[in-house]
C-alpha atoms as a PDB file:
ATOM      1  CA  UNK A   1     -38.367  78.607   3.931  1.00  0.00           C
ATOM      2  CA  UNK A   2     -39.111  82.189   3.439  1.00  0.00           C
ATOM      3  CA  UNK A   3     -42.776  82.319   2.774  1.00  0.00           C
ATOM      4  CA  UNK A   4     -45.840  84.554   3.500  1.00  0.00           C
ATOM      5  CA  UNK A   5     -49.265  83.517   3.261  1.00  0.00           C
ATOM      6  CA  UNK A   6     -51.232  85.735   1.055  1.00  0.00           C
ATOM      7  CA  UNK A   7     -55.192  85.799   0.637  1.00  0.00           C
ATOM      8  CA  UNK A   8     -56.528  85.438  -2.918  1.00  0.00           C
ATOM      9  CA  UNK A   9     -60.166  86.409  -2.328  1.00  0.00           C
ATOM     10  CA  UNK A  10     -60.669  89.510  -4.624  1.00  0.00           C
ATOM     11  CA  UNK A  11     -57.084  90.357  -3.813  1.00  0.00           C
ATOM     12  CA  UNK A  12     -55.818  93.554  -5.504  1.00  0.00           C
ATOM     13  CA  UNK A  13     -52.358  94.226  -6.976  1.00  0.00           C
ATOM     14  CA  UNK A  14     -51.327  90.474  -7.533  1.00  0.00           C
ATOM     15  CA  UNK A  15     -52.283  89.883 -11.209  1.00  0.00           C
ATOM     16  CA  UNK A  16     -55.340  87.310 -10.148  1.00  0.00           C
ATOM     17  CA  UNK A  17     -58.765  88.085 -10.571  1.00  0.00           C
ATOM     18  CA  UNK A  18     -61.397  86.378  -8.414  1.00  0.00           C
ATOM     19  CA  UNK A  19     -64.736  84.811  -9.488  1.00  0.00           C
ATOM     20  CA  UNK A  20     -67.232  82.978  -7.879  1.00  0.00           C
ATOM     21  CA  UNK A  21     -69.767  79.992  -9.060  1.00  0.00           C
ATOM     22  CA  UNK A  22     -68.633  76.615 -10.688  1.00  0.00           C
ATOM     23  CA  UNK A  23     -70.428  77.331 -14.089  1.00  0.00           C
ATOM     24  CA  UNK A  24     -69.745  81.210 -14.168  1.00  0.00           C
ATOM     25  CA  UNK A  25     -67.113  82.369 -16.550  1.00  0.00           C
ATOM     26  CA  UNK A  26     -64.896  84.983 -15.010  1.00  0.00           C
ATOM     27  CA  UNK A  27     -64.168  88.266 -16.653  1.00  0.00           C
ATOM     28  CA  UNK A  28     -61.660  87.770 -19.829  1.00  0.00           C
ATOM     29  CA  UNK A  29     -59.391  90.484 -18.759  1.00  0.00           C
ATOM     30  CA  UNK A  30     -57.785  88.018 -16.168  1.00  0.00           C
ATOM     31  CA  UNK A  31     -54.202  87.227 -16.934  1.00  0.00           C
ATOM     32  CA  UNK A  32     -52.136  84.216 -17.323  1.00  0.00           C
ATOM     33  CA  UNK A  33     -49.006  85.880 -15.886  1.00  0.00           C
ATOM     34  CA  UNK A  34     -48.659  88.610 -13.699  1.00  0.00           C
ATOM     35  CA  UNK A  35     -46.782  91.427 -15.105  1.00  0.00           C
ATOM     36  CA  UNK A  36     -42.821  91.310 -14.826  1.00  0.00           C
ATOM     37  CA  UNK A  37     -42.921  94.294 -12.599  1.00  0.00           C
ATOM     38  CA  UNK A  38     -44.968  92.575  -9.883  1.00  0.00           C
ATOM     39  CA  UNK A  39     -43.229  90.861  -6.806  1.00  0.00           C
ATOM     40  CA  UNK A  40     -43.796  87.165  -8.162  1.00  0.00           C
ATOM     41  CA  UNK A  41     -43.685  86.792 -11.559  1.00  0.00           C
ATOM     42  CA  UNK A  42     -44.043  83.054 -13.076  1.00  0.00           C
ATOM     43  CA  UNK A  43     -41.116  81.109 -13.934  1.00  0.00           C
ATOM     44  CA  UNK A  44     -40.418  79.632 -17.332  1.00  0.00           C
ATOM     45  CA  UNK A  45     -39.425  76.050 -17.278  1.00  0.00           C
ATOM     46  CA  UNK A  46     -37.927  74.069 -20.219  1.00  0.00           C
ATOM     47  CA  UNK A  47     -36.991  70.551 -20.181  1.00  0.00           C
ATOM     48  CA  UNK A  48     -35.217  68.783 -23.242  1.00  0.00           C
ATOM     49  CA  UNK A  49     -34.252  70.173 -26.736  1.00  0.00           C
ATOM     50  CA  UNK A  50     -36.626  72.221 -28.875  1.00  0.00           C
ATOM     51  CA  UNK A  51     -39.837  73.246 -26.777  1.00  0.00           C
ATOM     52  CA  UNK A  52     -39.929  77.086 -26.258  1.00  0.00           C
ATOM     53  CA  UNK A  53     -42.632  79.103 -24.251  1.00  0.00           C
ATOM     54  CA  UNK A  54     -43.124  82.743 -25.047  1.00  0.00           C
ATOM     55  CA  UNK A  55     -45.213  85.326 -23.061  1.00  0.00           C
ATOM     56  CA  UNK A  56     -48.163  87.105 -25.215  1.00  0.00           C
ATOM     57  CA  UNK A  57     -50.383  90.229 -24.121  1.00  0.00           C
ATOM     58  CA  UNK A  58     -52.970  87.970 -22.333  1.00  0.00           C
ATOM     59  CA  UNK A  59     -50.997  84.631 -21.466  1.00  0.00           C
ATOM     60  CA  UNK A  60     -48.275  82.662 -23.220  1.00  0.00           C
ATOM     61  CA  UNK A  61     -47.674  80.394 -26.098  1.00  0.00           C
ATOM     62  CA  UNK A  62     -45.782  76.935 -26.354  1.00  0.00           C
ATOM     63  CA  UNK A  63     -44.149  75.855 -29.277  1.00  0.00           C
ATOM     64  CA  UNK A  64     -42.805  72.333 -29.966  1.00  0.00           C
ATOM     65  CA  UNK A  65     -40.928  72.231 -33.195  1.00  0.00           C
ATOM     66  CA  UNK A  66     -40.730  68.834 -35.329  1.00  0.00           C
ATOM     67  CA  UNK A  67     -37.204  68.223 -33.845  1.00  0.00           C
ATOM     68  CA  UNK A  68     -38.220  68.443 -30.308  1.00  0.00           C
ATOM     69  CA  UNK A  69     -36.471  65.664 -28.333  1.00  0.00           C
ATOM     70  CA  UNK A  70     -35.405  64.127 -25.189  1.00  0.00           C
ATOM     71  CA  UNK A  71     -36.556  61.130 -22.930  1.00  0.00           C
ATOM     72  CA  UNK A  72     -39.166  63.481 -21.570  1.00  0.00           C
ATOM     73  CA  UNK A  73     -39.400  67.292 -22.763  1.00  0.00           C
ATOM     74  CA  UNK A  74     -41.620  70.036 -21.867  1.00  0.00           C
ATOM     75  CA  UNK A  75     -42.217  73.823 -21.628  1.00  0.00           C
ATOM     76  CA  UNK A  76     -44.364  76.199 -19.743  1.00  0.00           C
ATOM     77  CA  UNK A  77     -44.529  78.503 -16.655  1.00  0.00           C
ATOM     78  CA  UNK A  78     -44.717  77.622 -12.944  1.00  0.00           C
ATOM     79  CA  UNK A  79     -45.921  79.731 -10.113  1.00  0.00           C
ATOM     80  CA  UNK A  80     -43.151  80.791  -7.591  1.00  0.00           C
ATOM     81  CA  UNK A  81     -46.174  80.502  -4.901  1.00  0.00           C
ATOM     82  CA  UNK A  82     -47.823  77.556  -3.370  1.00  0.00           C
ATOM     83  CA  UNK A  83     -51.400  77.101  -3.169  1.00  0.00           C
ATOM     84  CA  UNK A  84     -52.592  75.987   0.543  1.00  0.00           C
ATOM     85  CA  UNK A  85     -55.678  74.657   1.879  1.00  0.00           C
ATOM     86  CA  UNK A  86     -58.895  74.672  -0.405  1.00  0.00           C
ATOM     87  CA  UNK A  87     -58.783  76.200  -3.682  1.00  0.00           C
ATOM     88  CA  UNK A  88     -60.500  76.677  -7.039  1.00  0.00           C
ATOM     89  CA  UNK A  89     -58.204  77.446 -10.101  1.00  0.00           C
ATOM     90  CA  UNK A  90     -58.901  77.710 -13.684  1.00  0.00           C
ATOM     91  CA  UNK A  91     -57.218  78.729 -17.141  1.00  0.00           C
ATOM     92  CA  UNK A  92     -58.356  78.758 -20.690  1.00  0.00           C
ATOM     93  CA  UNK A  93     -56.181  77.076 -23.340  1.00  0.00           C
ATOM     94  CA  UNK A  94     -56.188  76.750 -27.078  1.00  0.00           C
ATOM     95  CA  UNK A  95     -54.665  74.249 -29.712  1.00  0.00           C
ATOM     96  CA  UNK A  96     -53.364  76.407 -32.534  1.00  0.00           C
ATOM     97  CA  UNK A  97     -51.356  74.031 -34.580  1.00  0.00           C
ATOM     98  CA  UNK A  98     -52.445  70.413 -33.241  1.00  0.00           C
ATOM     99  CA  UNK A  99     -52.086  67.248 -35.599  1.00  0.00           C
ATOM    100  CA  UNK A 100     -53.734  63.820 -34.564  1.00  0.00           C
ATOM    101  CA  UNK A 101     -51.645  61.408 -32.621  1.00  0.00           C
ATOM    102  CA  UNK A 102     -49.020  64.166 -32.102  1.00  0.00           C
ATOM    103  CA  UNK A 103     -48.120  62.612 -28.596  1.00  0.00           C
ATOM    104  CA  UNK A 104     -48.439  65.958 -26.718  1.00  0.00           C
ATOM    105  CA  UNK A 105     -50.060  66.723 -23.599  1.00  0.00           C
ATOM    106  CA  UNK A 106     -50.931  70.350 -22.221  1.00  0.00           C
ATOM    107  CA  UNK A 107     -52.799  71.329 -19.116  1.00  0.00           C
ATOM    108  CA  UNK A 108     -52.611  72.142 -15.374  1.00  0.00           C
ATOM    109  CA  UNK A 109     -49.733  70.388 -13.442  1.00  0.00           C
ATOM    110  CA  UNK A 110     -49.949  69.973  -9.897  1.00  0.00           C
ATOM    111  CA  UNK A 111     -46.040  69.563  -9.552  1.00  0.00           C
ATOM    112  CA  UNK A 112     -45.013  66.453  -8.172  1.00  0.00           C
ATOM    113  CA  UNK A 113     -48.638  65.033  -8.103  1.00  0.00           C
ATOM    114  CA  UNK A 114     -50.383  64.643 -11.193  1.00  0.00           C
ATOM    115  CA  UNK A 115     -52.236  66.791 -13.788  1.00  0.00           C
ATOM    116  CA  UNK A 116     -55.460  67.830 -15.842  1.00  0.00           C
ATOM    117  CA  UNK A 117     -54.542  67.956 -19.314  1.00  0.00           C
ATOM    118  CA  UNK A 118     -55.755  67.430 -22.952  1.00  0.00           C
ATOM    119  CA  UNK A 119     -53.618  64.878 -24.884  1.00  0.00           C
ATOM    120  CA  UNK A 120     -53.287  63.636 -28.334  1.00  0.00           C
ATOM    121  CA  UNK A 121     -51.795  60.190 -27.778  1.00  0.00           C
ATOM    122  CA  UNK A 122     -49.053  59.086 -30.168  1.00  0.00           C
ATOM    123  CA  UNK A 123     -49.383  56.134 -32.501  1.00  0.00           C
ATOM    124  CA  UNK A 124     -46.784  54.273 -30.496  1.00  0.00           C
ATOM    125  CA  UNK A 125     -49.021  54.600 -27.258  1.00  0.00           C
ATOM    126  CA  UNK A 126     -51.150  51.633 -26.485  1.00  0.00           C
ATOM    127  CA  UNK A 127     -54.796  52.661 -26.243  1.00  0.00           C
ATOM    128  CA  UNK A 128     -57.927  52.595 -28.342  1.00  0.00           C
ATOM    129  CA  UNK A 129     -58.367  54.928 -31.327  1.00  0.00           C
ATOM    130  CA  UNK A 130     -61.220  56.483 -29.855  1.00  0.00           C
ATOM    131  CA  UNK A 131     -59.300  57.768 -26.853  1.00  0.00           C
ATOM    132  CA  UNK A 132     -56.361  59.175 -28.609  1.00  0.00           C
ATOM    133  CA  UNK A 133     -57.723  62.637 -28.516  1.00  0.00           C
ATOM    134  CA  UNK A 134     -58.796  63.216 -24.859  1.00  0.00           C
ATOM    135  CA  UNK A 135     -58.992  64.891 -21.525  1.00  0.00           C
ATOM    136  CA  UNK A 136     -57.142  63.175 -18.640  1.00  0.00           C
ATOM    137  CA  UNK A 137     -57.120  63.639 -14.967  1.00  0.00           C
ATOM    138  CA  UNK A 138     -54.966  62.032 -12.199  1.00  0.00           C
ATOM    139  CA  UNK A 139     -51.608  59.944 -12.820  1.00  0.00           C
ATOM    140  CA  UNK A 140     -51.241  56.638 -14.713  1.00  0.00           C
ATOM    141  CA  UNK A 141     -54.365  54.785 -14.740  1.00  0.00           C
ATOM    142  CA  UNK A 142     -56.444  57.979 -14.059  1.00  0.00           C
ATOM    143  CA  UNK A 143     -59.755  59.183 -15.648  1.00  0.00           C
ATOM    144  CA  UNK A 144     -59.966  59.548 -19.437  1.00  0.00           C
ATOM    145  CA  UNK A 145     -62.645  61.154 -21.488  1.00  0.00           C
ATOM    146  CA  UNK A 146     -62.535  61.394 -25.352  1.00  0.00           C
ATOM    147  CA  UNK A 147     -62.938  64.714 -27.001  1.00  0.00           C
ATOM    148  CA  UNK A 148     -62.626  66.695 -30.242  1.00  0.00           C
ATOM    149  CA  UNK A 149     -62.048  70.034 -28.635  1.00  0.00           C
ATOM    150  CA  UNK A 150     -59.293  72.382 -29.839  1.00  0.00           C
ATOM    151  CA  UNK A 151     -60.338  75.089 -27.109  1.00  0.00           C
ATOM    152  CA  UNK A 152     -61.751  75.430 -23.663  1.00  0.00           C
ATOM    153  CA  UNK A 153     -60.768  75.750 -20.176  1.00  0.00           C
ATOM    154  CA  UNK A 154     -59.580  73.544 -17.277  1.00  0.00           C
ATOM    155  CA  UNK A 155     -60.436  73.842 -13.715  1.00  0.00           C
ATOM    156  CA  UNK A 156     -58.887  72.206 -10.579  1.00  0.00           C
ATOM    157  CA  UNK A 157     -60.363  72.277  -7.202  1.00  0.00           C
ATOM    158  CA  UNK A 158     -59.476  70.969  -3.852  1.00  0.00           C
ATOM    159  CA  UNK A 159     -61.731  70.649  -0.751  1.00  0.00           C
ATOM    160  CA  UNK A 160     -60.045  68.957   2.170  1.00  0.00           C
ATOM    161  CA  UNK A 161     -57.862  66.322   0.597  1.00  0.00           C
ATOM    162  CA  UNK A 162     -60.177  65.778  -2.453  1.00  0.00           C
ATOM    163  CA  UNK A 163     -59.517  67.121  -5.865  1.00  0.00           C
ATOM    164  CA  UNK A 164     -61.725  67.498  -8.889  1.00  0.00           C
ATOM    165  CA  UNK A 165     -60.808  68.065 -12.376  1.00  0.00           C
ATOM    166  CA  UNK A 166     -63.171  69.889 -14.665  1.00  0.00           C
ATOM    167  CA  UNK A 167     -63.079  71.165 -18.419  1.00  0.00           C
ATOM    168  CA  UNK A 168     -65.285  73.667 -20.363  1.00  0.00           C
ATOM    169  CA  UNK A 169     -66.095  73.347 -23.813  1.00  0.00           C
ATOM    170  CA  UNK A 170     -66.203  76.848 -25.614  1.00  0.00           C
ATOM    171  CA  UNK A 171     -69.406  75.890 -27.386  1.00  0.00           C
ATOM    172  CA  UNK A 172     -71.471  74.382 -24.747  1.00  0.00           C
ATOM    173  CA  UNK A 173     -70.488  76.721 -21.894  1.00  0.00           C
ATOM    174  CA  UNK A 174     -70.928  73.779 -19.507  1.00  0.00           C
ATOM    175  CA  UNK A 175     -68.373  72.296 -17.120  1.00  0.00           C
ATOM    176  CA  UNK A 176     -67.919  68.818 -17.197  1.00  0.00           C
ATOM    177  CA  UNK A 177     -66.172  66.654 -14.380  1.00  0.00           C
ATOM    178  CA  UNK A 178     -63.198  64.527 -15.810  1.00  0.00           C
ATOM    179  CA  UNK A 179     -62.257  62.841 -12.604  1.00  0.00           C
ATOM    180  CA  UNK A 180     -61.762  63.252  -8.652  1.00  0.00           C
ATOM    181  CA  UNK A 181     -59.150  62.007  -6.448  1.00  0.00           C
ATOM    182  CA  UNK A 182     -57.797  61.929  -2.878  1.00  0.00           C
ATOM    183  CA  UNK A 183     -54.537  60.389  -3.583  1.00  0.00           C
ATOM    184  CA  UNK A 184     -52.417  63.544  -3.430  1.00  0.00           C
ATOM    185  CA  UNK A 185     -53.305  64.518   0.095  1.00  0.00           C
ATOM    186  CA  UNK A 186     -53.367  68.425   0.925  1.00  0.00           C
ATOM    187  CA  UNK A 187     -49.870  69.482   0.709  1.00  0.00           C
ATOM    188  CA  UNK A 188     -48.748  73.212  -0.180  1.00  0.00           C
ATOM    189  CA  UNK A 189     -48.868  72.916  -4.139  1.00  0.00           C
ATOM    190  CA  UNK A 190     -47.000  74.403  -6.749  1.00  0.00           C
ATOM    191  CA  UNK A 191     -48.873  74.890 -10.079  1.00  0.00           C
ATOM    192  CA  UNK A 192     -47.605  74.746 -13.602  1.00  0.00           C
ATOM    193  CA  UNK A 193     -49.337  75.400 -17.033  1.00  0.00           C
ATOM    194  CA  UNK A 194     -47.257  73.331 -19.213  1.00  0.00           C
ATOM    195  CA  UNK A 195     -47.116  71.087 -22.322  1.00  0.00           C
ATOM    196  CA  UNK A 196     -45.032  67.873 -22.420  1.00  0.00           C
ATOM    197  CA  UNK A 197     -44.050  64.597 -24.342  1.00  0.00           C
ATOM    198  CA  UNK A 198     -41.880  61.619 -24.365  1.00  0.00           C
ATOM    199  CA  UNK A 199     -39.500  60.165 -26.815  1.00  0.00           C
ATOM    200  CA  UNK A 200     -41.593  57.331 -27.419  1.00  0.00           C
ATOM    201  CA  UNK A 201     -44.801  59.433 -27.808  1.00  0.00           C
ATOM    202  CA  UNK A 202     -43.987  62.480 -29.861  1.00  0.00           C
ATOM    203  CA  UNK A 203     -44.656  62.110 -33.492  1.00  0.00           C
ATOM    204  CA  UNK A 204     -42.214  64.636 -34.778  1.00  0.00           C
ATOM    205  CA  UNK A 205     -44.664  67.077 -35.974  1.00  0.00           C
ATOM    206  CA  UNK A 206     -44.778  70.836 -35.049  1.00  0.00           C
ATOM    207  CA  UNK A 207     -47.276  71.750 -32.222  1.00  0.00           C
ATOM    208  CA  UNK A 208     -48.251  75.209 -30.809  1.00  0.00           C
ATOM    209  CA  UNK A 209     -50.769  76.019 -27.747  1.00  0.00           C
ATOM    210  CA  UNK A 210     -51.694  78.644 -25.792  1.00  0.00           C
ATOM    211  CA  UNK A 211     -52.706  79.365 -22.192  1.00  0.00           C
ATOM    212  CA  UNK A 212     -54.990  82.425 -21.461  1.00  0.00           C
ATOM    213  CA  UNK A 213     -56.619  83.871 -18.440  1.00  0.00           C
ATOM    214  CA  UNK A 214     -55.369  82.121 -15.572  1.00  0.00           C
ATOM    215  CA  UNK A 215     -57.168  82.882 -12.336  1.00  0.00           C
ATOM    216  CA  UNK A 216     -57.333  81.755  -8.658  1.00  0.00           C
ATOM    217  CA  UNK A 217     -61.216  81.854  -8.070  1.00  0.00           C
ATOM    218  CA  UNK A 218     -60.643  81.044  -4.212  1.00  0.00           C
ATOM    219  CA  UNK A 219     -57.944  80.104  -2.204  1.00  0.00           C
ATOM    220  CA  UNK A 220     -54.614  81.300  -0.600  1.00  0.00           C
ATOM    221  CA  UNK A 221     -51.161  81.025  -1.471  1.00  0.00           C
ATOM    222  CA  UNK A 222     -47.755  80.851   0.203  1.00  0.00           C
ATOM    223  CA  UNK A 223     -45.281  83.424  -1.551  1.00  0.00           C
ATOM    224  CA  UNK A 224     -41.385  83.701  -1.231  1.00  0.00           C
ATOM    225  CA  UNK A 225     -40.187  87.072  -0.112  1.00  0.00           C
ATOM    226  CA  UNK A 226     -38.453  89.202  -2.529  1.00  0.00           C
ATOM    227  CA  UNK A 227     -36.189  92.240  -1.969  1.00  0.00           C
ATOM    228  CA  UNK A 228     -38.358  95.557  -2.455  1.00  0.00           C
ATOM    229  CA  UNK A 229     -35.397  98.041  -2.084  1.00  0.00           C
ATOM    230  CA  UNK A 230     -32.003  98.926  -0.555  1.00  0.00           C
ATOM    231  CA  UNK A 231     -31.237 102.557   0.672  1.00  0.00           C
ATOM    232  CA  UNK A 232     -28.105 104.161   2.031  1.00  0.00           C
ATOM    233  CA  UNK A 233     -28.591 107.014   4.312  1.00  0.00           C
ATOM    234  CA  UNK A 234     -25.704 109.140   2.531  1.00  0.00           C
ATOM    235  CA  UNK A 235     -24.694 108.033  -1.053  1.00  0.00           C
ATOM    236  CA  UNK A 236     -21.557 110.249  -0.692  1.00  0.00           C
ATOM    237  CA  UNK A 237     -19.444 109.902   2.263  1.00  0.00           C
ATOM    238  CA  UNK A 238     -15.704 111.016   3.438  1.00  0.00           C
ATOM    239  CA  UNK A 239     -13.535 108.120   3.976  1.00  0.00           C
ATOM    240  CA  UNK A 240     -13.502 107.268   7.767  1.00  0.00           C
ATOM    241  CA  UNK A 241     -17.204 107.871   8.112  1.00  0.00           C
ATOM    242  CA  UNK A 242     -19.955 105.450   8.603  1.00  0.00           C
ATOM    243  CA  UNK A 243     -23.432 105.368   6.852  1.00  0.00           C
ATOM    244  CA  UNK A 244     -26.525 103.434   7.572  1.00  0.00           C
ATOM    245  CA  UNK A 245     -28.273 101.269   4.848  1.00  0.00           C
ATOM    246  CA  UNK A 246     -31.634  99.521   5.032  1.00  0.00           C
ATOM    247  CA  UNK A 247     -32.980  96.674   3.149  1.00  0.00           C
ATOM    248  CA  UNK A 248     -36.687  95.922   2.461  1.00  0.00           C
ATOM    249  CA  UNK A 249     -38.661  93.007   1.882  1.00  0.00           C
ATOM    250  CA  UNK A 250     -41.790  92.740  -0.377  1.00  0.00           C
ATOM    251  CA  UNK A 251     -43.650  91.014   2.556  1.00  0.00           C
ATOM    252  CA  UNK A 252     -42.915  89.964   6.084  1.00  0.00           C
ATOM    253  CA  UNK A 253     -42.192  86.247   6.924  1.00  0.00           C
ATOM    254  CA  UNK A 254     -44.450  85.875  10.095  1.00  0.00           C
ATOM    255  CA  UNK A 255     -42.630  82.574  11.397  1.00  0.00           C
ATOM    256  CA  UNK A 256     -38.817  83.187  10.886  1.00  0.00           C
ATOM    257  CA  UNK A 257     -35.990  85.681  10.066  1.00  0.00           C
ATOM    258  CA  UNK A 258     -35.166  86.063   6.472  1.00  0.00           C
ATOM    259  CA  UNK A 259     -31.548  86.455   5.887  1.00  0.00           C
ATOM    260  CA  UNK A 260     -30.424  88.624   3.123  1.00  0.00           C
ATOM    261  CA  UNK A 261     -26.928  88.400   1.744  1.00  0.00           C
ATOM    262  CA  UNK A 262     -24.543  91.729   1.007  1.00  0.00           C
ATOM    263  CA  UNK A 263     -21.865  92.213  -1.160  1.00  0.00           C
ATOM    264  CA  UNK A 264     -19.930  95.514  -2.416  1.00  0.00           C
ATOM    265  CA  UNK A 265     -17.708  96.436  -5.123  1.00  0.00           C
ATOM    266  CA  UNK A 266     -16.357  99.285  -3.389  1.00  0.00           C
ATOM    267  CA  UNK A 267     -13.033  98.597  -1.751  1.00  0.00           C
ATOM    268  CA  UNK A 268     -13.351 101.368   0.867  1.00  0.00           C
ATOM    269  CA  UNK A 269     -16.609  99.938   2.189  1.00  0.00           C
ATOM    270  CA  UNK A 270     -16.573  97.719   5.374  1.00  0.00           C
ATOM    271  CA  UNK A 271     -19.748  96.062   5.891  1.00  0.00           C
ATOM    272  CA  UNK A 272     -21.227  92.650   7.169  1.00  0.00           C
ATOM    273  CA  UNK A 273     -21.791  89.527   4.767  1.00  0.00           C
ATOM    274  CA  UNK A 274     -25.656  89.559   5.569  1.00  0.00           C
ATOM    275  CA  UNK A 275     -28.257  90.993   7.409  1.00  0.00           C
ATOM    276  CA  UNK A 276     -31.452  89.235   9.145  1.00  0.00           C
ATOM    277  CA  UNK A 277     -34.653  90.603   8.703  1.00  0.00           C
ATOM    278  CA  UNK A 278     -36.844  89.619  11.826  1.00  0.00           C
ATOM    279  CA  UNK A 279     -39.823  87.395  11.711  1.00  0.00           C
ATOM    280  CA  UNK A 280     -42.933  89.795  10.967  1.00  0.00           C
ATOM    281  CA  UNK A 281     -40.806  92.663   9.811  1.00  0.00           C
ATOM    282  CA  UNK A 282     -39.943  93.965   6.391  1.00  0.00           C
ATOM    283  CA  UNK A 283     -36.804  95.948   7.032  1.00  0.00           C
ATOM    284  CA  UNK A 284     -33.659  95.749   8.611  1.00  0.00           C
ATOM    285  CA  UNK A 285     -30.806  98.109   8.932  1.00  0.00           C
ATOM    286  CA  UNK A 286     -27.143  97.735   8.870  1.00  0.00           C
ATOM    287  CA  UNK A 287     -23.941  99.715   9.380  1.00  0.00           C
ATOM    288  CA  UNK A 288     -21.341 100.484   6.486  1.00  0.00           C
ATOM    289  CA  UNK A 289     -17.851 101.657   7.737  1.00  0.00           C
ATOM    290  CA  UNK A 290     -15.364 103.294   5.421  1.00  0.00           C
ATOM    291  CA  UNK A 291     -11.582 103.269   4.896  1.00  0.00           C
ATOM    292  CA  UNK A 292      -9.496 106.303   4.772  1.00  0.00           C
ATOM    293  CA  UNK A 293      -7.983 106.571   1.206  1.00  0.00           C
ATOM    294  CA  UNK A 294      -5.824 108.914  -1.090  1.00  0.00           C
ATOM    295  CA  UNK A 295      -8.346 108.445  -3.674  1.00  0.00           C
ATOM    296  CA  UNK A 296     -12.013 108.406  -4.043  1.00  0.00           C
ATOM    297  CA  UNK A 297     -13.659 104.904  -4.297  1.00  0.00           C
ATOM    298  CA  UNK A 298     -16.853 104.433  -6.108  1.00  0.00           C
ATOM    299  CA  UNK A 299     -19.007 101.183  -6.066  1.00  0.00           C
ATOM    300  CA  UNK A 300     -22.079  99.376  -5.636  1.00  0.00           C
ATOM    301  CA  UNK A 301     -23.670  97.770  -2.721  1.00  0.00           C
ATOM    302  CA  UNK A 302     -25.887  94.509  -3.609  1.00  0.00           C
ATOM    303  CA  UNK A 303     -28.275  92.645  -1.526  1.00  0.00           C
ATOM    304  CA  UNK A 304     -29.355  89.404  -2.478  1.00  0.00           C
ATOM    305  CA  UNK A 305     -32.288  86.986  -1.654  1.00  0.00           C
ATOM    306  CA  UNK A 306     -32.854  83.962  -3.821  1.00  0.00           C
ATOM    307  CA  UNK A 307     -33.372  85.150  -7.404  1.00  0.00           C
ATOM    308  CA  UNK A 308     -33.825  88.934  -6.390  1.00  0.00           C
ATOM    309  CA  UNK A 309     -31.203  91.611  -6.280  1.00  0.00           C
ATOM    310  CA  UNK A 310     -31.296  95.183  -5.231  1.00  0.00           C
ATOM    311  CA  UNK A 311     -28.452  97.724  -5.433  1.00  0.00           C
ATOM    312  CA  UNK A 312     -27.468 101.078  -4.147  1.00  0.00           C
ATOM    313  CA  UNK A 313     -24.343 103.506  -5.144  1.00  0.00           C
ATOM    314  CA  UNK A 314     -21.743 104.392  -2.421  1.00  0.00           C
ATOM    315  CA  UNK A 315     -18.955 106.997  -3.088  1.00  0.00           C
ATOM    316  CA  UNK A 316     -16.226 107.193  -0.534  1.00  0.00           C
ATOM    317  CA  UNK A 317     -14.136 110.458  -0.887  1.00  0.00           C
ATOM    318  CA  UNK A 318     -10.407 110.618  -0.645  1.00  0.00           C
ATOM    319  CA  UNK A 319      -8.791 112.031   2.328  1.00  0.00           C
ATOM    320  CA  UNK A 320      -8.227 115.720   2.337  1.00  0.00           C
END
């Protein structure tokens, strides 16, 4: 796995803002999603038919049309990075269009483990009426607390292998613990900010909700390396001559080499199918040989790593 540890305590340039203290509200200028130009943008996830998720200036909104369907359907964003060790994260939410007993859940998802969320249980779900509008923490059989809240904040903490889920009411400004658990262990954890429902629960009514101001208060994350650039020593070369190219990563992988795939649309370029960036390094060079030809050949050199690509132009001049 091509990942690198990144500390999040007062980290600059990564879209997260740090704050300390359980009951203190972080600055409102924090953002739910890093800007698209940053190395690790959050990835939108859509399951089923109908739900959508769209970025806003300070976060994103999720819409479930009345005709949303699927055995399980959802929408939201997930971080490409993994939280490791102890952490403290939080996010603000708002239920913009929210009818009673709509069958939708919305909150922080610890992918593959459980969630801390707000729910309006559908009329076909077996539970007492007073708990239909509630906060829920854990997995099946977890902790449920009734609430009329239409806005607030979720907060999830991990210390060792113990997790604690909190919610903040916008009028009381006090954090309330919803539940605690040690069942998830302490693996590297992917976080999602999502809304979801099920065919048996969804009431067929339009629902709209928003996430804003996601922040990692304390903790560190493991992020996949992405490509930062591709440079060719000369963009124009006579056929039969060679050039050197250099590929660079957004960050080094301290544990193992990172293999970058290489392709070219220039028929006159002769180059390897890939290049390995050594462990602990952020750059690697490779040689591009060229063929002699009676006509000039122009094309693009492409380096690929996962979902990221970088490009450089190369022109091979005709033999004189």
